[in-house]
Amino acid sequence: MKIIINESQLRLIIENEDKDDNLLDFTPFVDVNPIKWDEMFERLNKKKGDKYDGYYIDGDVKLHKSNVTELKYLVEVRGYLNLYNSQIESLPMLKYVGSSLFLRHSQIEFLPMLKYVGSNLSLYNSQIESLPKLEYVGIDLDLYNSQIESLPKLEYVGNDLYLTNTPLSKTTTKEELRKQINVEAEIYL
């Protein structure tokens, strides 16, 4: 399979090479079939001597109801990431989402690297059991009816924290959570 990029896309890649530490800017490829993103990254990275750790997209990514199952090199989405009802099973390197992250009814079971979500994080009805590195959620953290058992590094939620019908809601209290996490508004157990 050949992957064809036009000259302006290649120029954007070259211009953006030095902007972000070890991440390749894939913003020009948002309209390319996302199934090809990892393959394109592997080829471009190999040509550059394996100097990149992954790629980012400076904008929104809408993959709801898509047939993509894995984006193994996606590290950052600077807009929102919508994976509602998607087939994605793995985002092993995702660390940062600048706006909202929607994983309602998704197939993802683990987000091992996720640290920051600038706006809302919705894991409603998801299979995720832990967010081991999550530190910050800018607005609402909705874990309702998910499998979350722990939030070991979470420091801040800018509005409400929804934990109703989760394993964590059965093992903690609002007071214990407030000692660990700065929740600006309500905690729902």
C-alpha atoms as a PDB file:
ATOM      1  CA  MET A   1       0.000   0.000   0.000  1.00  0.00           C
ATOM      2  CA  LYS A   2       1.336   3.422  -0.949  1.00  0.00           C
ATOM      3  CA  ILE A   3       0.631   6.508   1.079  1.00  0.00           C
ATOM      4  CA  ILE A   4       0.657   9.663  -0.969  1.00  0.00           C
ATOM      5  CA  ILE A   5       1.035  13.109   0.523  1.00  0.00           C
ATOM      6  CA  ASN A   6       1.062  16.305  -1.441  1.00  0.00           C
ATOM      7  CA  GLU A   7       3.841  18.878  -1.454  1.00  0.00           C
ATOM      8  CA  SER A   8       2.072  21.292   0.914  1.00  0.00           C
ATOM      9  CA  GLN A   9       1.544  18.498   3.475  1.00  0.00           C
ATOM     10  CA  LEU A  10       5.236  17.572   3.270  1.00  0.00           C
ATOM     11  CA  ARG A  11       6.227  21.239   3.666  1.00  0.00           C
ATOM     12  CA  LEU A  12       4.042  21.497   6.800  1.00  0.00           C
ATOM     13  CA  ILE A  13       5.738  18.426   8.251  1.00  0.00           C
ATOM     14  CA  ILE A  14       9.205  19.858   7.620  1.00  0.00           C
ATOM     15  CA  GLU A  15       8.256  23.307   8.984  1.00  0.00           C
ATOM     16  CA  ASN A  16       6.843  21.821  12.176  1.00  0.00           C
ATOM     17  CA  GLU A  17       9.680  19.400  12.890  1.00  0.00           C
ATOM     18  CA  ASP A  18      11.432  21.552  15.473  1.00  0.00           C
ATOM     19  CA  LYS A  19       8.371  23.009  17.200  1.00  0.00           C
ATOM     20  CA  ASP A  20       7.538  20.214  19.628  1.00  0.00           C
ATOM     21  CA  ASP A  21       9.922  17.906  21.411  1.00  0.00           C
ATOM     22  CA  ASN A  22      10.023  14.642  19.517  1.00  0.00           C
ATOM     23  CA  LEU A  23       6.474  14.850  18.155  1.00  0.00           C
ATOM     24  CA  LEU A  24       5.521  14.980  14.503  1.00  0.00           C
ATOM     25  CA  ASP A  25       2.673  17.343  13.537  1.00  0.00           C
ATOM     26  CA  PHE A  26      -0.064  15.285  11.880  1.00  0.00           C
ATOM     27  CA  THR A  27      -2.546  18.161  11.636  1.00  0.00           C
ATOM     28  CA  PRO A  28      -2.337  18.136   7.813  1.00  0.00           C
ATOM     29  CA  PHE A  29      -3.476  14.489   7.854  1.00  0.00           C
ATOM     30  CA  VAL A  30      -6.719  14.915   9.799  1.00  0.00           C
ATOM     31  CA  ASP A  31      -8.669  14.323   6.568  1.00  0.00           C
ATOM     32  CA  VAL A  32      -6.644  11.219   5.672  1.00  0.00           C
ATOM     33  CA  ASN A  33      -8.205   7.923   6.730  1.00  0.00           C
ATOM     34  CA  PRO A  34      -7.090   7.510  10.391  1.00  0.00           C
ATOM     35  CA  ILE A  35      -6.402   3.824   9.790  1.00  0.00           C
ATOM     36  CA  LYS A  36      -3.321   5.002   7.863  1.00  0.00           C
ATOM     37  CA  TRP A  37      -1.994   7.446  10.502  1.00  0.00           C
ATOM     38  CA  ASP A  38       0.199   4.953  12.371  1.00  0.00           C
ATOM     39  CA  GLU A  39       1.593   3.518   9.148  1.00  0.00           C
ATOM     40  CA  MET A  40       2.348   7.011   7.828  1.00  0.00           C
ATOM     41  CA  PHE A  41       4.043   7.894  11.104  1.00  0.00           C
ATOM     42  CA  GLU A  42       6.209   4.751  11.013  1.00  0.00           C
ATOM     43  CA  ARG A  43       7.332   5.482   7.439  1.00  0.00           C
ATOM     44  CA  LEU A  44       8.035   9.172   8.034  1.00  0.00           C
ATOM     45  CA  ASN A  45       9.790   8.462  11.319  1.00  0.00           C
ATOM     46  CA  LYS A  46      11.979   5.803   9.729  1.00  0.00           C
ATOM     47  CA  LYS A  47      13.002   8.257   6.986  1.00  0.00           C
ATOM     48  CA  LYS A  48      13.969  10.747   9.707  1.00  0.00           C
ATOM     49  CA  GLY A  49      16.081   8.209  11.611  1.00  0.00           C
ATOM     50  CA  ASP A  50      13.499   7.310  14.258  1.00  0.00           C
ATOM     51  CA  LYS A  51      13.815  10.696  15.935  1.00  0.00           C
ATOM     52  CA  TYR A  52      10.109  11.076  16.830  1.00  0.00           C
ATOM     53  CA  ASP A  53       8.280   9.575  19.808  1.00  0.00           C
ATOM     54  CA  GLY A  54       4.824  10.015  18.309  1.00  0.00           C
ATOM     55  CA  TYR A  55       2.535  12.498  16.628  1.00  0.00           C
ATOM     56  CA  TYR A  56       0.062  15.217  17.588  1.00  0.00           C
ATOM     57  CA  ILE A  57      -2.895  16.906  15.968  1.00  0.00           C
ATOM     58  CA  ASP A  58      -3.447  20.616  16.499  1.00  0.00           C
ATOM     59  CA  GLY A  59      -7.230  20.586  16.289  1.00  0.00           C
ATOM     60  CA  ASP A  60     -10.216  18.303  16.772  1.00  0.00           C
ATOM     61  CA  VAL A  61     -10.347  14.575  16.065  1.00  0.00           C
ATOM     62  CA  LYS A  62     -13.727  12.960  15.462  1.00  0.00           C
ATOM     63  CA  LEU A  63     -13.533   9.179  15.322  1.00  0.00           C
ATOM     64  CA  HIS A  64     -16.960   8.323  16.703  1.00  0.00           C
ATOM     65  CA  LYS A  65     -18.446   5.295  14.975  1.00  0.00           C
ATOM     66  CA  SER A  66     -15.206   4.758  13.003  1.00  0.00           C
ATOM     67  CA  ASN A  67     -13.618   1.372  12.362  1.00  0.00           C
ATOM     68  CA  VAL A  68     -10.143   2.411  13.563  1.00  0.00           C
ATOM     69  CA  THR A  69      -9.003   0.037  16.326  1.00  0.00           C
ATOM     70  CA  GLU A  70      -5.657   1.521  17.369  1.00  0.00           C
ATOM     71  CA  LEU A  71      -3.691   4.755  17.225  1.00  0.00           C
ATOM     72  CA  LYS A  72      -0.507   3.621  18.889  1.00  0.00           C
ATOM     73  CA  TYR A  73       1.587   6.753  18.235  1.00  0.00           C
ATOM     74  CA  LEU A  74      -0.989   9.480  18.973  1.00  0.00           C
ATOM     75  CA  VAL A  75       0.397  11.505  21.908  1.00  0.00           C
ATOM     76  CA  GLU A  76      -1.541  14.792  21.828  1.00  0.00           C
ATOM     77  CA  VAL A  77      -4.785  16.195  20.492  1.00  0.00           C
ATOM     78  CA  ARG A  78      -4.864  19.923  21.050  1.00  0.00           C
ATOM     79  CA  GLY A  79      -8.593  20.226  20.398  1.00  0.00           C
ATOM     80  CA  TYR A  80     -11.202  17.661  21.376  1.00  0.00           C
ATOM     81  CA  LEU A  81     -11.067  13.907  20.836  1.00  0.00           C
ATOM     82  CA  ASN A  82     -14.408  12.238  20.194  1.00  0.00           C
ATOM     83  CA  LEU A  83     -14.285   8.435  20.396  1.00  0.00           C
ATOM     84  CA  TYR A  84     -17.950   7.963  21.277  1.00  0.00           C
ATOM     85  CA  ASN A  85     -19.073   4.500  20.161  1.00  0.00           C
ATOM     86  CA  SER A  86     -15.775   3.932  18.333  1.00  0.00           C
ATOM     87  CA  GLN A  87     -13.926   0.680  17.737  1.00  0.00           C
ATOM     88  CA  ILE A  88     -10.624   2.017  19.109  1.00  0.00           C
ATOM     89  CA  GLU A  89      -9.214  -0.416  21.638  1.00  0.00           C
ATOM     90  CA  SER A  90      -5.878   1.218  22.342  1.00  0.00           C
ATOM     91  CA  LEU A  91      -4.325   4.675  22.711  1.00  0.00           C
ATOM     92  CA  PRO A  92      -1.159   3.595  24.530  1.00  0.00           C
ATOM     93  CA  MET A  93       0.728   6.905  24.199  1.00  0.00           C
ATOM     94  CA  LEU A  94      -2.043   9.499  24.556  1.00  0.00           C
ATOM     95  CA  LYS A  95      -0.948  12.036  27.203  1.00  0.00           C
ATOM     96  CA  TYR A  96      -2.750  15.275  26.457  1.00  0.00           C
ATOM     97  CA  VAL A  97      -6.142  16.422  25.159  1.00  0.00           C
ATOM     98  CA  GLY A  98      -6.506  20.204  25.022  1.00  0.00           C
ATOM     99  CA  SER A  99     -10.292  20.270  25.122  1.00  0.00           C
ATOM    100  CA  SER A 100     -12.767  17.434  25.750  1.00  0.00           C
ATOM    101  CA  LEU A 101     -12.241  13.679  25.548  1.00  0.00           C
ATOM    102  CA  PHE A 102     -15.343  11.588  24.935  1.00  0.00           C
ATOM    103  CA  LEU A 103     -15.010   7.826  25.438  1.00  0.00           C
ATOM    104  CA  ARG A 104     -18.664   6.970  26.081  1.00  0.00           C
ATOM    105  CA  HIS A 105     -19.418   3.405  25.015  1.00  0.00           C
ATOM    106  CA  SER A 106     -15.881   2.949  23.675  1.00  0.00           C
ATOM    107  CA  GLN A 107     -13.840  -0.250  23.543  1.00  0.00           C
ATOM    108  CA  ILE A 108     -10.804   1.269  25.306  1.00  0.00           C
ATOM    109  CA  GLU A 109      -9.881  -0.480  28.542  1.00  0.00           C
ATOM    110  CA  PHE A 110      -6.758   1.427  29.563  1.00  0.00           C
ATOM    111  CA  LEU A 111      -5.219   4.869  29.051  1.00  0.00           C
ATOM    112  CA  PRO A 112      -1.806   4.326  30.641  1.00  0.00           C
ATOM    113  CA  MET A 113      -0.249   7.698  29.798  1.00  0.00           C
ATOM    114  CA  LEU A 114      -3.149  10.208  29.934  1.00  0.00           C
ATOM    115  CA  LYS A 115      -2.227  13.142  32.217  1.00  0.00           C
ATOM    116  CA  TYR A 116      -4.223  16.167  31.094  1.00  0.00           C
ATOM    117  CA  VAL A 117      -7.687  16.926  29.698  1.00  0.00           C
ATOM    118  CA  GLY A 118      -8.341  20.659  29.320  1.00  0.00           C
ATOM    119  CA  SER A 119     -12.127  20.507  29.436  1.00  0.00           C
ATOM    120  CA  ASN A 120     -14.484  17.520  29.937  1.00  0.00           C
ATOM    121  CA  LEU A 121     -13.533  13.873  30.249  1.00  0.00           C
ATOM    122  CA  SER A 122     -16.420  11.453  29.753  1.00  0.00           C
ATOM    123  CA  LEU A 123     -15.899   7.738  30.376  1.00  0.00           C
ATOM    124  CA  TYR A 124     -19.604   7.038  30.810  1.00  0.00           C
ATOM    125  CA  ASN A 125     -20.251   3.297  30.245  1.00  0.00           C
ATOM    126  CA  SER A 126     -16.591   2.635  29.404  1.00  0.00           C
ATOM    127  CA  GLN A 127     -14.464  -0.363  30.349  1.00  0.00           C
ATOM    128  CA  ILE A 128     -11.573   1.687  31.761  1.00  0.00           C
ATOM    129  CA  GLU A 129     -10.584   0.575  35.260  1.00  0.00           C
ATOM    130  CA  SER A 130      -7.799   3.017  36.014  1.00  0.00           C
ATOM    131  CA  LEU A 131      -6.301   6.303  34.898  1.00  0.00           C
ATOM    132  CA  PRO A 132      -2.893   5.854  36.558  1.00  0.00           C
ATOM    133  CA  LYS A 133      -1.322   9.139  35.433  1.00  0.00           C
ATOM    134  CA  LEU A 134      -4.309  11.475  35.127  1.00  0.00           C
ATOM    135  CA  GLU A 135      -3.588  14.689  37.049  1.00  0.00           C
ATOM    136  CA  TYR A 136      -5.883  17.379  35.641  1.00  0.00           C
ATOM    137  CA  VAL A 137      -9.404  17.721  34.184  1.00  0.00           C
ATOM    138  CA  GLY A 138     -10.424  21.319  33.428  1.00  0.00           C
ATOM    139  CA  ILE A 139     -14.195  20.999  33.792  1.00  0.00           C
ATOM    140  CA  ASP A 140     -16.251  17.810  34.409  1.00  0.00           C
ATOM    141  CA  LEU A 141     -14.932  14.305  34.983  1.00  0.00           C
ATOM    142  CA  ASP A 142     -17.796  11.914  34.193  1.00  0.00           C
ATOM    143  CA  LEU A 143     -16.990   8.349  35.216  1.00  0.00           C
ATOM    144  CA  TYR A 144     -20.614   7.323  35.722  1.00  0.00           C
ATOM    145  CA  ASN A 145     -21.215   3.609  35.172  1.00  0.00           C
ATOM    146  CA  SER A 146     -17.552   2.971  34.274  1.00  0.00           C
ATOM    147  CA  GLN A 147     -15.147   0.427  35.739  1.00  0.00           C
ATOM    148  CA  ILE A 148     -12.895   2.993  37.474  1.00  0.00           C
ATOM    149  CA  GLU A 149     -11.335   1.594  40.623  1.00  0.00           C
ATOM    150  CA  SER A 150      -8.786   4.313  41.349  1.00  0.00           C
ATOM    151  CA  LEU A 151      -7.551   7.799  40.474  1.00  0.00           C
ATOM    152  CA  PRO A 152      -4.113   7.693  42.111  1.00  0.00           C
ATOM    153  CA  LYS A 153      -2.590  10.911  40.698  1.00  0.00           C
ATOM    154  CA  LEU A 154      -5.644  13.078  40.071  1.00  0.00           C
ATOM    155  CA  GLU A 155      -5.112  16.512  41.641  1.00  0.00           C
ATOM    156  CA  TYR A 156      -7.721  18.793  40.077  1.00  0.00           C
ATOM    157  CA  VAL A 157     -11.240  18.734  38.597  1.00  0.00           C
ATOM    158  CA  GLY A 158     -12.525  22.178  37.559  1.00  0.00           C
ATOM    159  CA  ASN A 159     -16.202  21.434  38.116  1.00  0.00           C
ATOM    160  CA  ASP A 160     -18.085  18.187  38.943  1.00  0.00           C
ATOM    161  CA  LEU A 161     -16.764  14.671  39.553  1.00  0.00           C
ATOM    162  CA  TYR A 162     -19.264  11.909  38.718  1.00  0.00           C
ATOM    163  CA  LEU A 163     -18.449   8.522  40.236  1.00  0.00           C
ATOM    164  CA  THR A 164     -21.938   7.059  40.579  1.00  0.00           C
ATOM    165  CA  ASN A 165     -22.143   3.313  39.922  1.00  0.00           C
ATOM    166  CA  THR A 166     -18.370   2.722  39.778  1.00  0.00           C
ATOM    167  CA  PRO A 167     -16.192   0.392  41.855  1.00  0.00           C
ATOM    168  CA  LEU A 168     -14.470   3.499  43.280  1.00  0.00           C
ATOM    169  CA  SER A 169     -17.790   4.902  44.558  1.00  0.00           C
ATOM    170  CA  LYS A 170     -18.185   1.825  46.741  1.00  0.00           C
ATOM    171  CA  THR A 171     -14.762   2.125  48.398  1.00  0.00           C
ATOM    172  CA  THR A 172     -14.441   5.827  49.194  1.00  0.00           C
ATOM    173  CA  THR A 173     -16.259   8.852  50.583  1.00  0.00           C
ATOM    174  CA  LYS A 174     -16.631  12.436  49.394  1.00  0.00           C
ATOM    175  CA  GLU A 175     -14.454  13.592  52.292  1.00  0.00           C
ATOM    176  CA  GLU A 176     -11.639  11.184  51.377  1.00  0.00           C
ATOM    177  CA  LEU A 177     -11.797  12.276  47.758  1.00  0.00           C
ATOM    178  CA  ARG A 178     -11.673  15.980  48.667  1.00  0.00           C
ATOM    179  CA  LYS A 179      -8.501  15.360  50.697  1.00  0.00           C
ATOM    180  CA  GLN A 180      -6.859  13.856  47.624  1.00  0.00           C
ATOM    181  CA  ILE A 181      -8.417  15.898  44.797  1.00  0.00           C
ATOM    182  CA  ASN A 182      -9.267  19.585  44.472  1.00  0.00           C
ATOM    183  CA  VAL A 183     -12.817  19.300  43.071  1.00  0.00           C
ATOM    184  CA  GLU A 184     -14.225  22.792  42.466  1.00  0.00           C
ATOM    185  CA  ALA A 185     -17.903  21.782  42.543  1.00  0.00           C
ATOM    186  CA  GLU A 186     -19.821  18.592  43.458  1.00  0.00           C
ATOM    187  CA  ILE A 187     -18.776  14.979  43.869  1.00  0.00           C
ATOM    188  CA  TYR A 188     -21.456  12.473  42.984  1.00  0.00           C
ATOM    189  CA  LEU A 189     -21.084   9.003  44.503  1.00  0.00           C
END
